[in-house]
Amino acid sequence: MALPPSTLGIRHIALFTTDLARAEAFYCGLLGYQVEWRPDADNLYLTMNGQDNLALHKGTPGRETRLDHFGIVLRKAEDVDAWYEHVKPYAVKTPKTHRDGARSFYAKDPDGNGLQFIHHPPIADKA
C-alpha cells in the first residue's frame, strides 16, 4: 500500500494543565517559548521560534493523563485529506479547517493515544 505525502514529523504536542498561567510561566519564562495564539481563557498555543507548536488546554485535576494528543505536521492542507483517507479506520473526527487557518483531523492509535494530522501554516511554511 502506498503512503500519502510525507510528513514533517511530530512538531505539535497538546497538554492539559490545571493552571494555564503557571504553565505559561514555565514554558515561556523558563524554556523560552513564545505565545503564538491565545484564542480564549482555556487555551494557549506556544511556539519555539515558529518551529514547534505546543498547545496548553485547561484540564481538570486528577485526569488519568495530561496528554491530550500529539500532532503529525503535514506540508499542505490537501495532505490532511490524503492522510485521512489512509487512516480512516482509526479516525475519530473528519478533517476540518480551524479558526487559525490550520486544517486537521484526529485519530487514535491502537492503545487509544490521540493523534492529530495537521497542516499548521506557521510551521509547515518554514519547512
N, C-alpha and C. Protein backbone atom coordinates (compact mmCIF):
# COMPACT_ATOMS: atom_id res chain seq x y z
N MET A 1 0.84 -1.17 0.00
CA MET A 1 0.00 0.00 0.00
C MET A 1 0.90 1.24 0.00
N ALA A 2 0.63 2.16 -0.90
CA ALA A 2 1.42 3.39 -0.98
C ALA A 2 1.01 4.36 0.12
N LEU A 3 1.99 5.04 0.67
CA LEU A 3 1.72 6.03 1.71
C LEU A 3 1.30 7.36 1.10
N PRO A 4 0.49 8.15 1.83
CA PRO A 4 0.18 9.51 1.40
C PRO A 4 1.45 10.36 1.42
N PRO A 5 1.38 11.65 1.09
CA PRO A 5 2.57 12.51 1.08
C PRO A 5 3.32 12.47 2.41
N SER A 6 4.65 12.63 2.35
CA SER A 6 5.47 12.57 3.56
C SER A 6 5.09 13.66 4.56
N THR A 7 5.37 13.39 5.82
CA THR A 7 5.05 14.35 6.89
C THR A 7 6.29 15.16 7.25
N LEU A 8 6.10 16.16 8.08
CA LEU A 8 7.21 16.95 8.62
C LEU A 8 7.58 16.48 10.01
N GLY A 9 6.95 15.39 10.47
CA GLY A 9 7.27 14.82 11.78
C GLY A 9 6.33 15.31 12.88
N ILE A 10 6.65 14.92 14.10
CA ILE A 10 5.85 15.30 15.27
C ILE A 10 6.40 16.62 15.79
N ARG A 11 5.70 17.69 15.49
CA ARG A 11 6.15 19.02 15.92
C ARG A 11 5.03 19.75 16.63
N HIS A 12 4.04 19.00 17.10
CA HIS A 12 2.91 19.57 17.83
C HIS A 12 2.55 18.62 18.95
N ILE A 13 2.48 19.16 20.16
CA ILE A 13 2.04 18.39 21.33
C ILE A 13 0.98 19.23 22.03
N ALA A 14 -0.04 18.58 22.55
CA ALA A 14 -1.09 19.27 23.31
C ALA A 14 -1.16 18.66 24.70
N LEU A 15 -1.12 19.51 25.70
CA LEU A 15 -1.15 19.06 27.09
C LEU A 15 -2.31 19.69 27.83
N PHE A 16 -2.88 18.94 28.77
CA PHE A 16 -3.84 19.51 29.70
C PHE A 16 -3.07 20.09 30.87
N THR A 17 -3.52 21.21 31.40
CA THR A 17 -2.92 21.81 32.58
C THR A 17 -4.03 22.34 33.47
N THR A 18 -3.82 22.29 34.78
CA THR A 18 -4.83 22.81 35.70
C THR A 18 -4.63 24.31 35.96
N ASP A 19 -3.47 24.85 35.54
CA ASP A 19 -3.17 26.26 35.78
C ASP A 19 -2.44 26.82 34.56
N LEU A 20 -3.19 27.47 33.66
CA LEU A 20 -2.60 27.98 32.43
C LEU A 20 -1.52 29.02 32.71
N ALA A 21 -1.73 29.89 33.68
CA ALA A 21 -0.74 30.94 33.98
C ALA A 21 0.58 30.32 34.44
N ARG A 22 0.49 29.32 35.29
CA ARG A 22 1.70 28.65 35.78
C ARG A 22 2.41 27.93 34.62
N ALA A 23 1.64 27.26 33.77
CA ALA A 23 2.24 26.57 32.62
C ALA A 23 2.87 27.57 31.66
N GLU A 24 2.21 28.70 31.42
CA GLU A 24 2.78 29.73 30.54
C GLU A 24 4.09 30.26 31.11
N ALA A 25 4.12 30.50 32.41
CA ALA A 25 5.34 30.99 33.04
C ALA A 25 6.48 29.98 32.89
N PHE A 26 6.17 28.70 33.03
CA PHE A 26 7.19 27.66 32.89
C PHE A 26 7.71 27.59 31.46
N TYR A 27 6.79 27.41 30.50
CA TYR A 27 7.22 27.21 29.12
C TYR A 27 7.79 28.48 28.48
N CYS A 28 7.17 29.64 28.75
CA CYS A 28 7.67 30.88 28.16
C CYS A 28 8.82 31.47 28.98
N GLY A 29 8.61 31.59 30.28
CA GLY A 29 9.62 32.22 31.12
C GLY A 29 10.88 31.39 31.29
N LEU A 30 10.71 30.10 31.49
CA LEU A 30 11.86 29.23 31.76
C LEU A 30 12.47 28.61 30.51
N LEU A 31 11.61 28.15 29.60
CA LEU A 31 12.10 27.41 28.44
C LEU A 31 12.21 28.25 27.17
N GLY A 32 11.66 29.47 27.17
CA GLY A 32 11.84 30.36 26.03
C GLY A 32 10.81 30.25 24.92
N TYR A 33 9.69 29.57 25.16
CA TYR A 33 8.63 29.54 24.15
C TYR A 33 7.98 30.92 24.05
N GLN A 34 7.35 31.19 22.92
CA GLN A 34 6.61 32.44 22.72
C GLN A 34 5.13 32.13 22.51
N VAL A 35 4.26 33.05 22.92
CA VAL A 35 2.83 32.89 22.70
C VAL A 35 2.55 33.09 21.22
N GLU A 36 1.94 32.09 20.60
CA GLU A 36 1.55 32.18 19.20
C GLU A 36 0.11 32.66 19.08
N TRP A 37 -0.76 32.12 19.97
CA TRP A 37 -2.18 32.43 19.87
C TRP A 37 -2.86 32.12 21.19
N ARG A 38 -3.72 33.02 21.63
CA ARG A 38 -4.50 32.83 22.85
C ARG A 38 -5.97 33.00 22.44
N PRO A 39 -6.61 31.91 21.96
CA PRO A 39 -7.97 32.06 21.44
C PRO A 39 -9.03 32.34 22.50
N ASP A 40 -8.79 31.89 23.73
CA ASP A 40 -9.76 32.09 24.80
C ASP A 40 -9.08 31.80 26.14
N ALA A 41 -9.83 31.91 27.22
CA ALA A 41 -9.26 31.77 28.56
C ALA A 41 -8.81 30.34 28.89
N ASP A 42 -9.24 29.36 28.11
CA ASP A 42 -8.92 27.96 28.42
C ASP A 42 -7.89 27.33 27.50
N ASN A 43 -7.36 28.10 26.56
CA ASN A 43 -6.44 27.54 25.57
C ASN A 43 -5.32 28.52 25.26
N LEU A 44 -4.12 27.98 25.09
CA LEU A 44 -2.94 28.79 24.81
C LEU A 44 -2.04 27.99 23.88
N TYR A 45 -1.60 28.63 22.81
CA TYR A 45 -0.72 27.97 21.84
C TYR A 45 0.63 28.67 21.84
N LEU A 46 1.68 27.89 22.04
CA LEU A 46 3.04 28.41 22.13
C LEU A 46 3.87 27.90 20.97
N THR A 47 4.93 28.62 20.65
CA THR A 47 5.85 28.20 19.61
C THR A 47 7.28 28.42 20.08
N MET A 48 8.18 27.69 19.49
CA MET A 48 9.60 27.90 19.72
C MET A 48 10.17 28.44 18.42
N ASN A 49 10.17 29.75 18.30
CA ASN A 49 10.68 30.42 17.10
C ASN A 49 10.00 29.94 15.82
N GLY A 50 8.72 29.63 15.91
CA GLY A 50 7.96 29.20 14.73
C GLY A 50 8.23 27.79 14.28
N GLN A 51 9.04 27.03 15.00
CA GLN A 51 9.39 25.67 14.58
C GLN A 51 8.49 24.61 15.19
N ASP A 52 8.05 24.80 16.42
CA ASP A 52 7.21 23.82 17.11
C ASP A 52 5.92 24.48 17.55
N ASN A 53 4.94 23.67 17.89
CA ASN A 53 3.67 24.17 18.37
C ASN A 53 3.28 23.36 19.59
N LEU A 54 3.16 24.03 20.74
CA LEU A 54 2.76 23.41 21.99
C LEU A 54 1.43 24.01 22.41
N ALA A 55 0.41 23.19 22.48
CA ALA A 55 -0.92 23.64 22.90
C ALA A 55 -1.13 23.30 24.36
N LEU A 56 -1.59 24.27 25.13
CA LEU A 56 -1.94 24.05 26.53
C LEU A 56 -3.43 24.26 26.67
N HIS A 57 -4.12 23.25 27.19
CA HIS A 57 -5.57 23.29 27.35
C HIS A 57 -5.91 23.15 28.83
N LYS A 58 -6.81 23.99 29.31
CA LYS A 58 -7.20 23.90 30.71
C LYS A 58 -7.91 22.57 30.93
N GLY A 59 -7.40 21.80 31.88
CA GLY A 59 -7.96 20.49 32.19
C GLY A 59 -8.48 20.47 33.62
N THR A 60 -8.91 19.33 34.05
CA THR A 60 -9.42 19.18 35.41
C THR A 60 -8.42 18.38 36.24
N PRO A 61 -8.28 18.74 37.52
CA PRO A 61 -7.36 17.99 38.38
C PRO A 61 -7.74 16.51 38.44
N GLY A 62 -6.74 15.65 38.56
CA GLY A 62 -6.98 14.22 38.71
C GLY A 62 -7.21 13.47 37.42
N ARG A 63 -6.97 14.10 36.28
CA ARG A 63 -7.10 13.38 35.00
C ARG A 63 -6.14 12.21 35.00
N GLU A 64 -6.51 11.16 34.32
CA GLU A 64 -5.63 10.00 34.21
C GLU A 64 -4.34 10.35 33.48
N THR A 65 -4.41 11.22 32.50
CA THR A 65 -3.24 11.63 31.73
C THR A 65 -3.31 13.12 31.46
N ARG A 66 -2.18 13.72 31.27
CA ARG A 66 -2.15 15.14 30.92
C ARG A 66 -1.96 15.33 29.41
N LEU A 67 -1.66 14.23 28.70
CA LEU A 67 -1.50 14.32 27.26
C LEU A 67 -2.87 14.36 26.60
N ASP A 68 -3.10 15.35 25.80
CA ASP A 68 -4.33 15.44 25.02
C ASP A 68 -4.10 14.66 23.72
N HIS A 69 -3.10 15.07 22.96
CA HIS A 69 -2.76 14.39 21.72
C HIS A 69 -1.40 14.90 21.25
N PHE A 70 -0.83 14.24 20.25
CA PHE A 70 0.33 14.80 19.59
C PHE A 70 0.00 14.96 18.12
N GLY A 71 0.66 15.92 17.49
CA GLY A 71 0.34 16.25 16.11
C GLY A 71 1.44 15.84 15.15
N ILE A 72 1.04 15.31 14.03
CA ILE A 72 1.95 14.99 12.94
C ILE A 72 1.75 16.08 11.89
N VAL A 73 2.78 16.88 11.68
CA VAL A 73 2.67 18.06 10.83
C VAL A 73 2.78 17.68 9.36
N LEU A 74 1.89 18.26 8.56
CA LEU A 74 1.84 17.99 7.13
C LEU A 74 2.15 19.26 6.34
N ARG A 75 2.74 19.09 5.16
CA ARG A 75 3.19 20.23 4.36
C ARG A 75 2.05 21.08 3.81
N LYS A 76 0.98 20.44 3.34
CA LYS A 76 -0.10 21.17 2.68
C LYS A 76 -1.45 20.77 3.28
N ALA A 77 -2.41 21.68 3.17
CA ALA A 77 -3.75 21.39 3.68
C ALA A 77 -4.35 20.16 2.99
N GLU A 78 -4.06 19.99 1.71
CA GLU A 78 -4.60 18.84 0.97
C GLU A 78 -4.04 17.52 1.49
N ASP A 79 -2.83 17.56 2.07
CA ASP A 79 -2.24 16.34 2.62
C ASP A 79 -3.06 15.79 3.78
N VAL A 80 -3.76 16.69 4.49
CA VAL A 80 -4.62 16.25 5.61
C VAL A 80 -5.68 15.29 5.09
N ASP A 81 -6.30 15.64 3.98
CA ASP A 81 -7.34 14.78 3.42
C ASP A 81 -6.78 13.45 2.91
N ALA A 82 -5.58 13.49 2.33
CA ALA A 82 -4.96 12.25 1.86
C ALA A 82 -4.66 11.32 3.04
N TRP A 83 -4.14 11.88 4.14
CA TRP A 83 -3.86 11.06 5.31
C TRP A 83 -5.16 10.57 5.96
N TYR A 84 -6.20 11.37 5.92
CA TYR A 84 -7.49 10.93 6.46
C TYR A 84 -7.95 9.67 5.73
N GLU A 85 -7.88 9.68 4.43
CA GLU A 85 -8.28 8.50 3.66
C GLU A 85 -7.41 7.30 4.00
N HIS A 86 -6.14 7.54 4.27
CA HIS A 86 -5.19 6.46 4.57
C HIS A 86 -5.45 5.82 5.93
N VAL A 87 -5.83 6.61 6.93
CA VAL A 87 -6.00 6.08 8.29
C VAL A 87 -7.47 6.12 8.74
N LYS A 88 -8.36 6.22 7.81
CA LYS A 88 -9.79 6.37 8.10
C LYS A 88 -10.34 5.41 9.15
N PRO A 89 -9.94 4.14 9.18
CA PRO A 89 -10.47 3.24 10.20
C PRO A 89 -10.12 3.68 11.64
N TYR A 90 -9.08 4.46 11.79
CA TYR A 90 -8.65 4.92 13.11
C TYR A 90 -9.11 6.34 13.42
N ALA A 91 -9.69 7.01 12.43
CA ALA A 91 -10.09 8.41 12.60
C ALA A 91 -11.28 8.52 13.56
N VAL A 92 -11.25 9.56 14.38
CA VAL A 92 -12.37 9.81 15.30
C VAL A 92 -13.12 11.08 14.91
N LYS A 93 -12.53 11.88 14.04
CA LYS A 93 -13.19 13.08 13.52
C LYS A 93 -12.76 13.25 12.07
N THR A 94 -13.61 13.88 11.29
CA THR A 94 -13.28 14.15 9.89
C THR A 94 -12.46 15.44 9.80
N PRO A 95 -11.74 15.64 8.70
CA PRO A 95 -10.92 16.85 8.56
C PRO A 95 -11.77 18.11 8.63
N LYS A 96 -11.16 19.14 9.24
CA LYS A 96 -11.82 20.44 9.28
C LYS A 96 -10.76 21.52 9.29
N THR A 97 -11.17 22.71 8.88
CA THR A 97 -10.30 23.88 8.93
C THR A 97 -10.63 24.64 10.21
N HIS A 98 -9.60 24.97 10.99
CA HIS A 98 -9.76 25.61 12.29
C HIS A 98 -9.78 27.13 12.18
N ARG A 99 -10.11 27.78 13.29
CA ARG A 99 -10.19 29.24 13.35
C ARG A 99 -8.89 29.92 12.96
N ASP A 100 -7.76 29.29 13.20
CA ASP A 100 -6.47 29.91 12.90
C ASP A 100 -5.95 29.57 11.50
N GLY A 101 -6.76 28.87 10.69
CA GLY A 101 -6.35 28.52 9.33
C GLY A 101 -5.71 27.15 9.20
N ALA A 102 -5.45 26.49 10.33
CA ALA A 102 -4.90 25.13 10.28
C ALA A 102 -5.99 24.18 9.80
N ARG A 103 -5.59 23.06 9.25
CA ARG A 103 -6.53 22.01 8.83
C ARG A 103 -6.05 20.71 9.44
N SER A 104 -6.99 19.94 10.02
CA SER A 104 -6.58 18.71 10.68
C SER A 104 -7.74 17.75 10.86
N PHE A 105 -7.37 16.55 11.33
CA PHE A 105 -8.34 15.58 11.82
C PHE A 105 -7.66 14.80 12.93
N TYR A 106 -8.47 14.12 13.74
CA TYR A 106 -7.97 13.35 14.87
C TYR A 106 -8.19 11.86 14.62
N ALA A 107 -7.26 11.08 15.16
CA ALA A 107 -7.34 9.62 15.11
C ALA A 107 -6.81 9.08 16.43
N LYS A 108 -6.99 7.79 16.65
CA LYS A 108 -6.45 7.13 17.84
C LYS A 108 -5.61 5.95 17.39
N ASP A 109 -4.47 5.78 18.08
CA ASP A 109 -3.66 4.60 17.78
C ASP A 109 -4.28 3.40 18.48
N PRO A 110 -3.75 2.19 18.28
CA PRO A 110 -4.36 1.00 18.88
C PRO A 110 -4.46 1.04 20.40
N ASP A 111 -3.61 1.84 21.06
CA ASP A 111 -3.67 1.95 22.52
C ASP A 111 -4.54 3.11 22.98
N GLY A 112 -5.16 3.82 22.04
CA GLY A 112 -6.04 4.91 22.41
C GLY A 112 -5.37 6.27 22.52
N ASN A 113 -4.09 6.36 22.15
CA ASN A 113 -3.41 7.65 22.17
C ASN A 113 -3.92 8.53 21.04
N GLY A 114 -4.12 9.81 21.34
CA GLY A 114 -4.64 10.74 20.35
C GLY A 114 -3.57 11.26 19.41
N LEU A 115 -3.87 11.26 18.12
CA LEU A 115 -3.00 11.82 17.10
C LEU A 115 -3.80 12.87 16.34
N GLN A 116 -3.16 13.95 16.00
CA GLN A 116 -3.76 14.96 15.15
C GLN A 116 -2.88 15.09 13.91
N PHE A 117 -3.44 14.82 12.75
CA PHE A 117 -2.74 15.03 11.49
C PHE A 117 -3.08 16.46 11.09
N ILE A 118 -2.04 17.34 11.05
CA ILE A 118 -2.31 18.76 10.96
C ILE A 118 -1.41 19.49 9.97
N HIS A 119 -2.04 20.35 9.19
CA HIS A 119 -1.31 21.34 8.41
C HIS A 119 -1.47 22.64 9.19
N HIS A 120 -0.37 23.09 9.78
CA HIS A 120 -0.36 24.33 10.57
C HIS A 120 0.57 25.30 9.85
N PRO A 121 0.01 26.28 9.11
CA PRO A 121 0.83 27.12 8.25
C PRO A 121 2.09 27.71 8.90
N PRO A 122 2.06 28.23 10.14
CA PRO A 122 3.30 28.81 10.68
C PRO A 122 4.46 27.82 10.77
N ILE A 123 4.16 26.53 10.93
CA ILE A 123 5.22 25.52 10.99
C ILE A 123 5.51 24.99 9.58
N ALA A 124 4.47 24.62 8.86
CA ALA A 124 4.65 24.00 7.53
C ALA A 124 5.33 24.95 6.55
N ASP A 125 5.03 26.24 6.65
CA ASP A 125 5.60 27.20 5.71
C ASP A 125 7.09 27.42 5.92
N LYS A 126 7.62 27.00 7.08
CA LYS A 126 9.04 27.18 7.36
C LYS A 126 9.85 25.92 7.03
N ALA A 127 9.16 24.87 6.65
CA ALA A 127 9.86 23.59 6.39
C ALA A 127 10.54 23.60 5.05
